[in-house]
Amino acid sequence: MARFLALIHHTDEGRKQLHHTTARARSFAAAAIQSGIAVESQYWTTGAQDGFILLNGPEQSVLHALAKLSQQGNVRIEVSRAYDAAEFDHLLGH
């Protein structure tokens, strides 16, 4: 299992339908669970991003779920692999 940080940016369509954003988030989380993905947290933010989702699951499943979310046209997504301290120490060879 791998952890991913997905930065969310609303599209013009997503901003027009902003009042549905929490319902879409609940729907995404339910679909993610069905795909074996844990949504560890999801937050809406102010600033350069409109929100983020922290997910944990098989890489291919997570990336597929995020691609399907993006295809709905309400958000653009930037995704990065996320590591805790122990995982990052392992990458560094410590």
PDB file of N, CA and C in Angstrom:
ATOM      1  N   MET A   1       0.842  -1.179   0.000  1.00  0.00           N
ATOM      2  CA  MET A   1       0.000   0.000   0.000  1.00  0.00           C
ATOM      3  C   MET A   1       0.885   1.239   0.000  1.00  0.00           C
ATOM      4  N   ALA A   2       0.433   2.247  -0.686  1.00  0.00           N
ATOM      5  CA  ALA A   2       1.183   3.495  -0.785  1.00  0.00           C
ATOM      6  C   ALA A   2       0.258   4.657  -0.439  1.00  0.00           C
ATOM      7  N   ARG A   3       0.843   5.714   0.059  1.00  0.00           N
ATOM      8  CA  ARG A   3       0.075   6.914   0.415  1.00  0.00           C
ATOM      9  C   ARG A   3       0.312   7.974  -0.655  1.00  0.00           C
ATOM     10  N   PHE A   4      -0.765   8.657  -1.018  1.00  0.00           N
ATOM     11  CA  PHE A   4      -0.702   9.694  -2.040  1.00  0.00           C
ATOM     12  C   PHE A   4      -1.401  10.948  -1.546  1.00  0.00           C
ATOM     13  N   LEU A   5      -0.854  12.093  -1.928  1.00  0.00           N
ATOM     14  CA  LEU A   5      -1.454  13.390  -1.657  1.00  0.00           C
ATOM     15  C   LEU A   5      -1.960  13.933  -2.987  1.00  0.00           C
ATOM     16  N   ALA A   6      -3.252  14.155  -3.065  1.00  0.00           N
ATOM     17  CA  ALA A   6      -3.860  14.704  -4.277  1.00  0.00           C
ATOM     18  C   ALA A   6      -4.280  16.141  -3.996  1.00  0.00           C
ATOM     19  N   LEU A   7      -3.669  17.083  -4.699  1.00  0.00           N
ATOM     20  CA  LEU A   7      -4.037  18.491  -4.586  1.00  0.00           C
ATOM     21  C   LEU A   7      -5.177  18.752  -5.560  1.00  0.00           C
ATOM     22  N   ILE A   8      -6.217  19.396  -5.076  1.00  0.00           N
ATOM     23  CA  ILE A   8      -7.440  19.613  -5.847  1.00  0.00           C
ATOM     24  C   ILE A   8      -7.543  21.071  -6.280  1.00  0.00           C
ATOM     25  N   HIS A   9      -7.858  21.258  -7.546  1.00  0.00           N
ATOM     26  CA  HIS A   9      -8.111  22.585  -8.109  1.00  0.00           C
ATOM     27  C   HIS A   9      -9.472  22.517  -8.795  1.00  0.00           C
ATOM     28  N   HIS A  10     -10.405  23.365  -8.390  1.00  0.00           N
ATOM     29  CA  HIS A  10     -11.713  23.377  -9.056  1.00  0.00           C
ATOM     30  C   HIS A  10     -11.589  23.950 -10.469  1.00  0.00           C
ATOM     31  N   THR A  11     -12.277  23.329 -11.400  1.00  0.00           N
ATOM     32  CA  THR A  11     -12.379  23.867 -12.753  1.00  0.00           C
ATOM     33  C   THR A  11     -13.474  24.932 -12.748  1.00  0.00           C
ATOM     34  N   ASP A  12     -13.663  25.605 -13.868  1.00  0.00           N
ATOM     35  CA  ASP A  12     -14.772  26.566 -13.965  1.00  0.00           C
ATOM     36  C   ASP A  12     -16.099  25.875 -13.669  1.00  0.00           C
ATOM     37  N   GLU A  13     -16.273  24.671 -14.217  1.00  0.00           N
ATOM     38  CA  GLU A  13     -17.513  23.919 -13.966  1.00  0.00           C
ATOM     39  C   GLU A  13     -17.634  23.554 -12.490  1.00  0.00           C
ATOM     40  N   GLY A  14     -16.538  23.148 -11.887  1.00  0.00           N
ATOM     41  CA  GLY A  14     -16.548  22.808 -10.469  1.00  0.00           C
ATOM     42  C   GLY A  14     -16.916  23.993  -9.592  1.00  0.00           C
ATOM     43  N   ARG A  15     -16.448  25.185  -9.971  1.00  0.00           N
ATOM     44  CA  ARG A  15     -16.803  26.395  -9.200  1.00  0.00           C
ATOM     45  C   ARG A  15     -18.280  26.717  -9.361  1.00  0.00           C
ATOM     46  N   LYS A  16     -18.821  26.486 -10.557  1.00  0.00           N
ATOM     47  CA  LYS A  16     -20.254  26.729 -10.773  1.00  0.00           C
ATOM     48  C   LYS A  16     -21.101  25.785  -9.927  1.00  0.00           C
ATOM     49  N   GLN A  17     -20.586  24.585  -9.688  1.00  0.00           N
ATOM     50  CA  GLN A  17     -21.315  23.559  -8.938  1.00  0.00           C
ATOM     51  C   GLN A  17     -20.732  23.351  -7.534  1.00  0.00           C
ATOM     52  N   LEU A  18     -20.133  24.401  -6.983  1.00  0.00           N
ATOM     53  CA  LEU A  18     -19.435  24.286  -5.702  1.00  0.00           C
ATOM     54  C   LEU A  18     -20.352  23.797  -4.583  1.00  0.00           C
ATOM     55  N   HIS A  19     -21.625  24.120  -4.655  1.00  0.00           N
ATOM     56  CA  HIS A  19     -22.559  23.706  -3.609  1.00  0.00           C
ATOM     57  C   HIS A  19     -22.732  22.182  -3.553  1.00  0.00           C
ATOM     58  N   HIS A  20     -22.227  21.457  -4.553  1.00  0.00           N
ATOM     59  CA  HIS A  20     -22.298  19.993  -4.560  1.00  0.00           C
ATOM     60  C   HIS A  20     -20.975  19.337  -4.183  1.00  0.00           C
ATOM     61  N   THR A  21     -19.972  20.133  -3.831  1.00  0.00           N
ATOM     62  CA  THR A  21     -18.626  19.588  -3.634  1.00  0.00           C
ATOM     63  C   THR A  21     -18.552  18.560  -2.509  1.00  0.00           C
ATOM     64  N   THR A  22     -19.234  18.773  -1.398  1.00  0.00           N
ATOM     65  CA  THR A  22     -19.146  17.803  -0.301  1.00  0.00           C
ATOM     66  C   THR A  22     -19.869  16.505  -0.657  1.00  0.00           C
ATOM     67  N   ALA A  23     -20.956  16.590  -1.403  1.00  0.00           N
ATOM     68  CA  ALA A  23     -21.653  15.378  -1.846  1.00  0.00           C
ATOM     69  C   ALA A  23     -20.774  14.591  -2.814  1.00  0.00           C
ATOM     70  N   ARG A  24     -20.093  15.291  -3.721  1.00  0.00           N
ATOM     71  CA  ARG A  24     -19.181  14.607  -4.643  1.00  0.00           C
ATOM     72  C   ARG A  24     -18.039  13.956  -3.878  1.00  0.00           C
ATOM     73  N   ALA A  25     -17.570  14.607  -2.827  1.00  0.00           N
ATOM     74  CA  ALA A  25     -16.485  14.047  -2.016  1.00  0.00           C
ATOM     75  C   ALA A  25     -16.936  12.768  -1.317  1.00  0.00           C
ATOM     76  N   ARG A  26     -18.141  12.768  -0.778  1.00  0.00           N
ATOM     77  CA  ARG A  26     -18.664  11.560  -0.127  1.00  0.00           C
ATOM     78  C   ARG A  26     -18.811  10.425  -1.144  1.00  0.00           C
ATOM     79  N   SER A  27     -19.275  10.755  -2.326  1.00  0.00           N
ATOM     80  CA  SER A  27     -19.423   9.755  -3.379  1.00  0.00           C
ATOM     81  C   SER A  27     -18.067   9.188  -3.789  1.00  0.00           C
ATOM     82  N   PHE A  28     -17.065  10.055  -3.942  1.00  0.00           N
ATOM     83  CA  PHE A  28     -15.720   9.603  -4.285  1.00  0.00           C
ATOM     84  C   PHE A  28     -15.175   8.678  -3.200  1.00  0.00           C
ATOM     85  N   ALA A  29     -15.338   9.060  -1.932  1.00  0.00           N
ATOM     86  CA  ALA A  29     -14.818   8.246  -0.830  1.00  0.00           C
ATOM     87  C   ALA A  29     -15.473   6.868  -0.816  1.00  0.00           C
ATOM     88  N   ALA A  30     -16.776   6.812  -1.053  1.00  0.00           N
ATOM     89  CA  ALA A  30     -17.475   5.521  -1.083  1.00  0.00           C
ATOM     90  C   ALA A  30     -16.964   4.646  -2.224  1.00  0.00           C
ATOM     91  N   ALA A  31     -16.761   5.244  -3.398  1.00  0.00           N
ATOM     92  CA  ALA A  31     -16.240   4.493  -4.545  1.00  0.00           C
ATOM     93  C   ALA A  31     -14.809   4.042  -4.278  1.00  0.00           C
ATOM     94  N   ALA A  32     -14.028   4.878  -3.628  1.00  0.00           N
ATOM     95  CA  ALA A  32     -12.641   4.530  -3.320  1.00  0.00           C
ATOM     96  C   ALA A  32     -12.591   3.310  -2.406  1.00  0.00           C
ATOM     97  N   ILE A  33     -13.438   3.284  -1.398  1.00  0.00           N
ATOM     98  CA  ILE A  33     -13.478   2.145  -0.474  1.00  0.00           C
ATOM     99  C   ILE A  33     -13.791   0.865  -1.237  1.00  0.00           C
ATOM    100  N   GLN A  34     -14.722   0.940  -2.176  1.00  0.00           N
ATOM    101  CA  GLN A  34     -15.080  -0.227  -2.986  1.00  0.00           C
ATOM    102  C   GLN A  34     -13.897  -0.709  -3.825  1.00  0.00           C
ATOM    103  N   SER A  35     -12.955   0.182  -4.107  1.00  0.00           N
ATOM    104  CA  SER A  35     -11.770  -0.160  -4.903  1.00  0.00           C
ATOM    105  C   SER A  35     -10.570  -0.519  -4.029  1.00  0.00           C
ATOM    106  N   GLY A  36     -10.775  -0.639  -2.720  1.00  0.00           N
ATOM    107  CA  GLY A  36      -9.690  -1.002  -1.821  1.00  0.00           C
ATOM    108  C   GLY A  36      -8.779   0.146  -1.434  1.00  0.00           C
ATOM    109  N   ILE A  37      -9.298   1.371  -1.551  1.00  0.00           N
ATOM    110  CA  ILE A  37      -8.523   2.574  -1.238  1.00  0.00           C
ATOM    111  C   ILE A  37      -9.074   3.198   0.037  1.00  0.00           C
ATOM    112  N   ALA A  38      -8.193   3.594   0.926  1.00  0.00           N
ATOM    113  CA  ALA A  38      -8.598   4.313   2.133  1.00  0.00           C
ATOM    114  C   ALA A  38      -8.419   5.808   1.894  1.00  0.00           C
ATOM    115  N   VAL A  39      -9.471   6.567   2.099  1.00  0.00           N
ATOM    116  CA  VAL A  39      -9.365   8.023   2.080  1.00  0.00           C
ATOM    117  C   VAL A  39      -9.060   8.425   3.522  1.00  0.00           C
ATOM    118  N   GLU A  40      -7.785   8.729   3.791  1.00  0.00           N
ATOM    119  CA  GLU A  40      -7.368   9.046   5.154  1.00  0.00           C
ATOM    120  C   GLU A  40      -7.914  10.385   5.611  1.00  0.00           C
ATOM    121  N   SER A  41      -7.932  11.351   4.703  1.00  0.00           N
ATOM    122  CA  SER A  41      -8.492  12.660   5.045  1.00  0.00           C
ATOM    123  C   SER A  41      -8.770  13.428   3.768  1.00  0.00           C
ATOM    124  N   GLN A  42      -9.706  14.365   3.896  1.00  0.00           N
ATOM    125  CA  GLN A  42     -10.005  15.264   2.786  1.00  0.00           C
ATOM    126  C   GLN A  42     -10.353  16.616   3.382  1.00  0.00           C
ATOM    127  N   TYR A  43      -9.727  17.643   2.826  1.00  0.00           N
ATOM    128  CA  TYR A  43      -9.938  18.995   3.325  1.00  0.00           C
ATOM    129  C   TYR A  43     -10.135  19.957   2.170  1.00  0.00           C
ATOM    130  N   TRP A  44     -10.933  20.964   2.407  1.00  0.00           N
ATOM    131  CA  TRP A  44     -11.090  22.080   1.485  1.00  0.00           C
ATOM    132  C   TRP A  44     -10.196  23.184   2.017  1.00  0.00           C
ATOM    133  N   THR A  45      -9.526  23.900   1.115  1.00  0.00           N
ATOM    134  CA  THR A  45      -8.549  24.898   1.543  1.00  0.00           C
ATOM    135  C   THR A  45      -8.758  26.213   0.803  1.00  0.00           C
ATOM    136  N   THR A  46      -8.110  27.247   1.314  1.00  0.00           N
ATOM    137  CA  THR A  46      -8.047  28.528   0.621  1.00  0.00           C
ATOM    138  C   THR A  46      -6.607  28.698   0.162  1.00  0.00           C
ATOM    139  N   GLY A  47      -6.406  29.445  -0.872  1.00  0.00           N
ATOM    140  CA  GLY A  47      -5.058  29.653  -1.374  1.00  0.00           C
ATOM    141  C   GLY A  47      -4.888  29.065  -2.757  1.00  0.00           C
ATOM    142  N   ALA A  48      -3.684  28.580  -3.041  1.00  0.00           N
ATOM    143  CA  ALA A  48      -3.348  28.100  -4.381  1.00  0.00           C
ATOM    144  C   ALA A  48      -4.125  26.845  -4.768  1.00  0.00           C
ATOM    145  N   GLN A  49      -4.459  25.999  -3.796  1.00  0.00           N
ATOM    146  CA  GLN A  49      -5.270  24.809  -4.044  1.00  0.00           C
ATOM    147  C   GLN A  49      -6.632  24.992  -3.405  1.00  0.00           C
ATOM    148  N   ASP A  50      -7.595  24.266  -3.939  1.00  0.00           N
ATOM    149  CA  ASP A  50      -8.943  24.322  -3.373  1.00  0.00           C
ATOM    150  C   ASP A  50      -9.178  23.223  -2.347  1.00  0.00           C
ATOM    151  N   GLY A  51      -8.265  22.280  -2.291  1.00  0.00           N
ATOM    152  CA  GLY A  51      -8.384  21.213  -1.306  1.00  0.00           C
ATOM    153  C   GLY A  51      -7.332  20.157  -1.525  1.00  0.00           C
ATOM    154  N   PHE A  52      -7.386  19.126  -0.667  1.00  0.00           N
ATOM    155  CA  PHE A  52      -6.500  17.982  -0.852  1.00  0.00           C
ATOM    156  C   PHE A  52      -7.153  16.738  -0.282  1.00  0.00           C
ATOM    157  N   ILE A  53      -6.704  15.611  -0.818  1.00  0.00           N
ATOM    158  CA  ILE A  53      -7.148  14.303  -0.360  1.00  0.00           C
ATOM    159  C   ILE A  53      -5.894  13.492  -0.065  1.00  0.00           C
ATOM    160  N   LEU A  54      -5.869  12.837   1.081  1.00  0.00           N
ATOM    161  CA  LEU A  54      -4.788  11.923   1.420  1.00  0.00           C
ATOM    162  C   LEU A  54      -5.355  10.516   1.302  1.00  0.00           C
ATOM    163  N   LEU A  55      -4.771   9.718   0.388  1.00  0.00           N
ATOM    164  CA  LEU A  55      -5.275   8.377   0.096  1.00  0.00           C
ATOM    165  C   LEU A  55      -4.211   7.330   0.361  1.00  0.00           C
ATOM    166  N   ASN A  56      -4.660   6.129   0.660  1.00  0.00           N
ATOM    167  CA  ASN A  56      -3.745   5.028   0.888  1.00  0.00           C
ATOM    168  C   ASN A  56      -4.294   3.815   0.167  1.00  0.00           C
ATOM    169  N   GLY A  57      -3.485   3.226  -0.706  1.00  0.00           N
ATOM    170  CA  GLY A  57      -3.927   2.051  -1.440  1.00  0.00           C
ATOM    171  C   GLY A  57      -2.927   1.662  -2.502  1.00  0.00           C
ATOM    172  N   PRO A  58      -3.253   0.629  -3.256  1.00  0.00           N
ATOM    173  CA  PRO A  58      -2.372   0.228  -4.356  1.00  0.00           C
ATOM    174  C   PRO A  58      -2.245   1.358  -5.380  1.00  0.00           C
ATOM    175  N   GLU A  59      -1.029   1.606  -5.835  1.00  0.00           N
ATOM    176  CA  GLU A  59      -0.760   2.745  -6.714  1.00  0.00           C
ATOM    177  C   GLU A  59      -1.705   2.787  -7.915  1.00  0.00           C
ATOM    178  N   GLN A  60      -1.846   1.684  -8.609  1.00  0.00           N
ATOM    179  CA  GLN A  60      -2.678   1.666  -9.812  1.00  0.00           C
ATOM    180  C   GLN A  60      -4.139   1.986  -9.480  1.00  0.00           C
ATOM    181  N   SER A  61      -4.646   1.469  -8.372  1.00  0.00           N
ATOM    182  CA  SER A  61      -6.029   1.735  -7.973  1.00  0.00           C
ATOM    183  C   SER A  61      -6.235   3.202  -7.627  1.00  0.00           C
ATOM    184  N   VAL A  62      -5.291   3.779  -6.881  1.00  0.00           N
ATOM    185  CA  VAL A  62      -5.403   5.185  -6.492  1.00  0.00           C
ATOM    186  C   VAL A  62      -5.365   6.077  -7.722  1.00  0.00           C
ATOM    187  N   LEU A  63      -4.406   5.839  -8.604  1.00  0.00           N
ATOM    188  CA  LEU A  63      -4.285   6.684  -9.791  1.00  0.00           C
ATOM    189  C   LEU A  63      -5.498   6.539 -10.702  1.00  0.00           C
ATOM    190  N   HIS A  64      -6.047   5.334 -10.807  1.00  0.00           N
ATOM    191  CA  HIS A  64      -7.251   5.116 -11.612  1.00  0.00           C
ATOM    192  C   HIS A  64      -8.441   5.873 -11.012  1.00  0.00           C
ATOM    193  N   ALA A  65      -8.612   5.795  -9.697  1.00  0.00           N
ATOM    194  CA  ALA A  65      -9.720   6.494  -9.033  1.00  0.00           C
ATOM    195  C   ALA A  65      -9.607   8.001  -9.213  1.00  0.00           C
ATOM    196  N   LEU A  66      -8.396   8.542  -9.094  1.00  0.00           N
ATOM    197  CA  LEU A  66      -8.202   9.981  -9.268  1.00  0.00           C
ATOM    198  C   LEU A  66      -8.430  10.404 -10.717  1.00  0.00           C
ATOM    199  N   ALA A  67      -8.039   9.558 -11.661  1.00  0.00           N
ATOM    200  CA  ALA A  67      -8.288   9.865 -13.077  1.00  0.00           C
ATOM    201  C   ALA A  67      -9.791   9.914 -13.348  1.00  0.00           C
ATOM    202  N   LYS A  68     -10.542   8.967 -12.781  1.00  0.00           N
ATOM    203  CA  LYS A  68     -11.993   8.968 -12.958  1.00  0.00           C
ATOM    204  C   LYS A  68     -12.615  10.216 -12.342  1.00  0.00           C
ATOM    205  N   LEU A  69     -12.115  10.637 -11.182  1.00  0.00           N
ATOM    206  CA  LEU A  69     -12.616  11.854 -10.538  1.00  0.00           C
ATOM    207  C   LEU A  69     -12.360  13.062 -11.428  1.00  0.00           C
ATOM    208  N   SER A  70     -11.178  13.162 -11.966  1.00  0.00           N
ATOM    209  CA  SER A  70     -10.823  14.287 -12.827  1.00  0.00           C
ATOM    210  C   SER A  70     -11.660  14.304 -14.106  1.00  0.00           C
ATOM    211  N   GLN A  71     -11.966  13.134 -14.642  1.00  0.00           N
ATOM    212  CA  GLN A  71     -12.749  13.039 -15.883  1.00  0.00           C
ATOM    213  C   GLN A  71     -14.161  13.593 -15.740  1.00  0.00           C
ATOM    214  N   GLN A  72     -14.644  13.719 -14.513  1.00  0.00           N
ATOM    215  CA  GLN A  72     -15.985  14.275 -14.301  1.00  0.00           C
ATOM    216  C   GLN A  72     -16.035  15.762 -14.629  1.00  0.00           C
ATOM    217  N   GLY A  73     -14.868  16.411 -14.706  1.00  0.00           N
ATOM    218  CA  GLY A  73     -14.798  17.791 -15.147  1.00  0.00           C
ATOM    219  C   GLY A  73     -14.913  18.858 -14.080  1.00  0.00           C
ATOM    220  N   ASN A  74     -15.026  18.467 -12.819  1.00  0.00           N
ATOM    221  CA  ASN A  74     -15.174  19.454 -11.755  1.00  0.00           C
ATOM    222  C   ASN A  74     -13.859  19.865 -11.107  1.00  0.00           C
ATOM    223  N   VAL A  75     -12.849  19.011 -11.250  1.00  0.00           N
ATOM    224  CA  VAL A  75     -11.561  19.288 -10.613  1.00  0.00           C
ATOM    225  C   VAL A  75     -10.410  18.895 -11.524  1.00  0.00           C
ATOM    226  N   ARG A  76      -9.280  19.557 -11.311  1.00  0.00           N
ATOM    227  CA  ARG A  76      -7.988  19.137 -11.845  1.00  0.00           C
ATOM    228  C   ARG A  76      -7.197  18.649 -10.644  1.00  0.00           C
ATOM    229  N   ILE A  77      -6.378  17.657 -10.845  1.00  0.00           N
ATOM    230  CA  ILE A  77      -5.687  17.027  -9.728  1.00  0.00           C
ATOM    231  C   ILE A  77      -4.191  16.954  -9.996  1.00  0.00           C
ATOM    232  N   GLU A  78      -3.409  17.300  -8.976  1.00  0.00           N
ATOM    233  CA  GLU A  78      -1.968  17.059  -8.962  1.00  0.00           C
ATOM    234  C   GLU A  78      -1.742  16.001  -7.893  1.00  0.00           C
ATOM    235  N   VAL A  79      -1.058  14.938  -8.234  1.00  0.00           N
ATOM    236  CA  VAL A  79      -0.869  13.855  -7.270  1.00  0.00           C
ATOM    237  C   VAL A  79       0.612  13.585  -7.040  1.00  0.00           C
ATOM    238  N   SER A  80       0.953  13.351  -5.787  1.00  0.00           N
ATOM    239  CA  SER A  80       2.322  13.029  -5.399  1.00  0.00           C
ATOM    240  C   SER A  80       2.300  11.868  -4.419  1.00  0.00           C
ATOM    241  N   ARG A  81       3.313  11.053  -4.468  1.00  0.00           N
ATOM    242  CA  ARG A  81       3.473  10.007  -3.473  1.00  0.00           C
ATOM    243  C   ARG A  81       3.875  10.686  -2.172  1.00  0.00           C
ATOM    244  N   ALA A  82       3.319  10.248  -1.058  1.00  0.00           N
ATOM    245  CA  ALA A  82       3.603  10.841   0.256  1.00  0.00           C
ATOM    246  C   ALA A  82       4.253   9.785   1.156  1.00  0.00           C
ATOM    247  N   TYR A  83       5.240  10.204   1.920  1.00  0.00           N
ATOM    248  CA  TYR A  83       5.990   9.297   2.781  1.00  0.00           C
ATOM    249  C   TYR A  83       5.984   9.812   4.209  1.00  0.00           C
ATOM    250  N   ASP A  84       5.871   8.899   5.172  1.00  0.00           N
ATOM    251  CA  ASP A  84       6.077   9.305   6.555  1.00  0.00           C
ATOM    252  C   ASP A  84       7.585   9.270   6.834  1.00  0.00           C
ATOM    253  N   ALA A  85       7.997   9.636   8.037  1.00  0.00           N
ATOM    254  CA  ALA A  85       9.425   9.756   8.350  1.00  0.00           C
ATOM    255  C   ALA A  85      10.156   8.422   8.173  1.00  0.00           C
ATOM    256  N   ALA A  86       9.571   7.335   8.641  1.00  0.00           N
ATOM    257  CA  ALA A  86      10.229   6.030   8.536  1.00  0.00           C
ATOM    258  C   ALA A  86      10.391   5.610   7.075  1.00  0.00           C
ATOM    259  N   GLU A  87       9.366   5.841   6.267  1.00  0.00           N
ATOM    260  CA  GLU A  87       9.446   5.502   4.848  1.00  0.00           C
ATOM    261  C   GLU A  87      10.507   6.345   4.141  1.00  0.00           C
ATOM    262  N   PHE A  88      10.566   7.614   4.491  1.00  0.00           N
ATOM    263  CA  PHE A  88      11.544   8.492   3.841  1.00  0.00           C
ATOM    264  C   PHE A  88      12.963   8.138   4.289  1.00  0.00           C
ATOM    265  N   ASP A  89      13.135   7.792   5.571  1.00  0.00           N
ATOM    266  CA  ASP A  89      14.440   7.336   6.035  1.00  0.00           C
ATOM    267  C   ASP A  89      14.876   6.105   5.248  1.00  0.00           C
ATOM    268  N   HIS A  90      13.952   5.198   4.987  1.00  0.00           N
ATOM    269  CA  HIS A  90      14.265   3.996   4.203  1.00  0.00           C
ATOM    270  C   HIS A  90      14.719   4.381   2.788  1.00  0.00           C
ATOM    271  N   LEU A  91      14.027   5.345   2.174  1.00  0.00           N
ATOM    272  CA  LEU A  91      14.433   5.807   0.838  1.00  0.00           C
ATOM    273  C   LEU A  91      15.851   6.393   0.861  1.00  0.00           C
ATOM    274  N   LEU A  92      16.177   7.059   1.956  1.00  0.00           N
ATOM    275  CA  LEU A  92      17.491   7.695   2.084  1.00  0.00           C
ATOM    276  C   LEU A  92      18.581   6.688   2.478  1.00  0.00           C
ATOM    277  N   GLY A  93      18.168   5.466   2.755  1.00  0.00           N
ATOM    278  CA  GLY A  93      19.139   4.437   3.126  1.00  0.00           C
ATOM    279  C   GLY A  93      19.544   4.494   4.575  1.00  0.00           C
ATOM    280  N   HIS A  94      18.738   5.115   5.409  1.00  0.00           N
ATOM    281  CA  HIS A  94      19.060   5.197   6.851  1.00  0.00           C
ATOM    282  C   HIS A  94      18.562   3.977   7.574  1.00  0.00           C
TER     283      HIS A  94
END
